[in-house]
Amino acid sequence: MKFLKLIRYKNLLMLAFMQILFRYAFLKQQNIPLALADWQYALLVLSTVLLAAAGYVINNIYDVATDSINKPNDVVVGKGISETAAYNIYIGLNISGVALGFLLSNIIMRPMFASLFILIASLLYFYATTLKQIMILGNFVVAALLSVSVIIIGVFDLFPATNSENQAQMASFFSILTDYALFAFMINFIREIIKDIEDVNGDYNQGMNTLPIAIGISRAAKIAVAFAVVSFILCLLYVNKYFFDNNLFIATFYAFAFVLAPLLYFIVKIVGAKGQKDYHHLSMVLKLILFFGILSILVITINIKYNA
């Protein structure tokens, strides 16, 4: 149980679910060639999950002091799992994740793609040790890494199967993955700001320079609102252009009910948010928005088949 807590297994399950969803609920339903066999795609998902797990472990190691203040019940390192054991788990997860990525890159005859896994592992380490303490930059990096877990599907499954005859078609599907990656980035970036506000006391005591510490909770919340409003407008325009105008009414209703309405709820509620409990609630709302936003790819696929 301590190990599962150390690697944040619920977040890992969501990551794996997201990648499986994009492949089997979307790409597999299209009349296009895919580069990876099912077992090879499983290696891609496993590699991504292992690297993400390693990121959570190193983050937990370096966050012991702040978590002891912000989330004392969530502290694992030093309570059941020693710091040495945690480091060994971190190294093992990283080596396994990078090795699988290297193997997969060579299977599809794109050995240079292995550098992407090394880059992900490196950024997760530098985020936990250095970047997290730098205002905005840490938020940007961790949000970008989530979006990479969507882009990597296109890099490994679409790009190697692209040729001169299907280039335009494959580009359109890659573009859809990119749209979802951007959505994941925006929502997760806002959530990282909210989490910084939620953890402001512990971060301040550790001398960190997060956004709410640098400019104050109220101003940081206003920046989160600004990004949320921009995200809401962009999502609204996207739904109108790609869902409503193409008569995908089920997908349109779904987007309004499970993405746009909760996002509007977030914008309204954050204005009156005061304590840690309020910001924790808002963080969970954003997590649900992200989940239902990703799940919309299944709804779109079903809606297209229903219309056909």
Foldseek 3Di string as FASTA:
>chain_A
DLLCLQLVVVVLVLLLVLLCCCVPLFVVLDPAAWLDDPVLSVLLSLLLSLLSSLLSLLLLLLCQQLCCPQPVVSRRDVPPHDSVNSVVSSVVSLVSSLVSLCVSCVVLPNNVSSVVSVVSSVLSNCLSVPQVLDELRSLQSVLLSSLVSLLVSLVRIQVSRDDPVCPVVSVVSSVVSNVLSVLSSLLSSLLSLLVCLLSVVSCVVVVGHYDCVPPNSVVSLVVSLVSLVVSLVVLVVCCVVPQVVVVLVQLSVLCVVQANVLSVVLSVQSNPDDHSVSSVVSSVSSVSNSSSSSVSSSSSSVSVVVVD
